[in-house]
Amino acid sequence: MASLILVLAVTTTGLYAGFLLTFLFVVMPGLAALPDEGFTAAMRRINEKVPGPGFLWRSRYAAIRSLRTFSRKRTRCTGGPPGAG
C-alpha cells in the first residue's frame, strides 16, 4: 500500500512540475510578445479560469498525499514518529 501511495505521490508531483514547465516555456514566451495591456488582460483571464474548485482540490490532495507518504516512510525507517526517541 505504501508503495502505491509513493508512486501516486511521485507521479502527481511530476505531472504538476510538467504543467509548470510547460507554462513557463510555452505560454509565457507567447504572452511576453504582447503589449503590456494585452499581457495583463491575458493573465487576468487565465487567473479567472484556472483556480477553480477542481484545480484547488487536486493541488491540495497532491500535497497532502505527498506529506502523508513522507511521514509513513519516516515512521517506518525510524521505528516511531519523528522526535519520539
Protein backbone atom coordinates (compact mmCIF):
# COMPACT_ATOMS: atom_id res chain seq x y z
CA MET A 1 0.00 0.00 0.00
CA ALA A 2 2.81 2.41 0.89
CA SER A 3 4.48 1.68 -2.46
CA LEU A 4 1.30 2.55 -4.31
CA ILE A 5 0.92 5.79 -2.39
CA LEU A 6 4.55 6.67 -3.07
CA VAL A 7 4.13 6.00 -6.79
CA LEU A 8 0.97 8.14 -6.89
CA ALA A 9 2.65 10.97 -4.98
CA VAL A 10 5.70 10.95 -7.25
CA THR A 11 3.53 10.76 -10.38
CA THR A 12 1.32 13.62 -9.25
CA THR A 13 4.36 15.74 -8.38
CA GLY A 14 5.89 15.02 -11.78
CA LEU A 15 2.70 15.94 -13.60
CA TYR A 16 2.43 19.20 -11.68
CA ALA A 17 6.08 20.03 -12.40
CA GLY A 18 5.45 19.29 -16.08
CA PHE A 19 2.46 21.60 -16.08
CA LEU A 20 4.52 24.42 -14.58
CA LEU A 21 7.42 23.89 -17.00
CA THR A 22 5.04 23.84 -19.96
CA PHE A 23 3.51 27.09 -18.79
CA LEU A 24 6.98 28.62 -18.33
CA PHE A 25 8.41 27.56 -21.69
CA VAL A 26 5.31 27.67 -23.91
CA VAL A 27 2.74 30.11 -22.56
CA MET A 28 4.91 32.82 -21.01
CA PRO A 29 7.05 33.48 -24.13
CA GLY A 30 3.84 33.90 -26.13
CA LEU A 31 2.44 36.29 -23.56
CA ALA A 32 5.74 38.20 -23.42
CA ALA A 33 5.28 39.13 -27.09
CA LEU A 34 2.08 41.01 -26.22
CA PRO A 35 1.99 44.66 -25.26
CA ASP A 36 1.59 45.33 -21.53
CA GLU A 37 -2.18 45.80 -21.74
CA GLY A 38 -2.62 42.54 -23.65
CA PHE A 39 -0.38 40.65 -21.23
CA THR A 40 -2.35 41.95 -18.26
CA ALA A 41 -5.69 41.07 -19.86
CA ALA A 42 -4.48 37.56 -20.78
CA MET A 43 -3.13 36.86 -17.29
CA ARG A 44 -6.37 38.05 -15.73
CA ARG A 45 -8.35 35.66 -17.96
CA ILE A 46 -6.02 32.79 -17.01
CA ASN A 47 -6.42 33.64 -13.33
CA GLU A 48 -10.21 33.62 -13.74
CA LYS A 49 -10.29 30.20 -15.41
CA VAL A 50 -7.55 28.13 -13.74
CA PRO A 51 -8.10 28.33 -9.96
CA GLY A 52 -11.46 26.61 -9.93
CA PRO A 53 -12.58 24.07 -7.34
CA GLY A 54 -11.11 21.17 -9.32
CA PHE A 55 -7.68 22.76 -9.51
CA LEU A 56 -7.64 23.62 -5.81
CA TRP A 57 -8.83 20.14 -4.81
CA ARG A 58 -6.21 18.41 -6.95
CA SER A 59 -3.31 20.56 -5.78
CA ARG A 60 -4.24 20.21 -2.09
CA TYR A 61 -4.82 16.48 -2.48
CA ALA A 62 -1.40 16.04 -4.11
CA ALA A 63 0.32 17.97 -1.32
CA ILE A 64 -1.46 16.03 1.43
CA ARG A 65 -0.70 12.71 -0.25
CA SER A 66 2.99 13.61 -0.59
CA LEU A 67 3.26 14.65 3.07
CA ARG A 68 1.42 11.53 4.17
CA THR A 69 3.77 9.32 2.18
CA PHE A 70 6.81 11.05 3.61
CA SER A 71 5.58 10.69 7.18
CA ARG A 72 4.79 6.99 6.69
CA LYS A 73 8.22 6.28 5.24
CA ARG A 74 9.88 8.23 8.05
CA THR A 75 7.92 6.33 10.71
CA ARG A 76 8.86 3.02 9.16
CA CYS A 77 12.57 3.88 8.95
CA THR A 78 12.94 5.23 12.47
CA GLY A 79 10.57 2.87 14.24
CA GLY A 80 8.36 5.68 15.51
CA PRO A 81 7.11 9.16 14.80
CA PRO A 82 9.66 11.93 14.34
CA GLY A 83 11.03 13.18 17.65
CA ALA A 84 9.91 10.10 19.59
CA GLY A 85 13.21 8.92 20.73
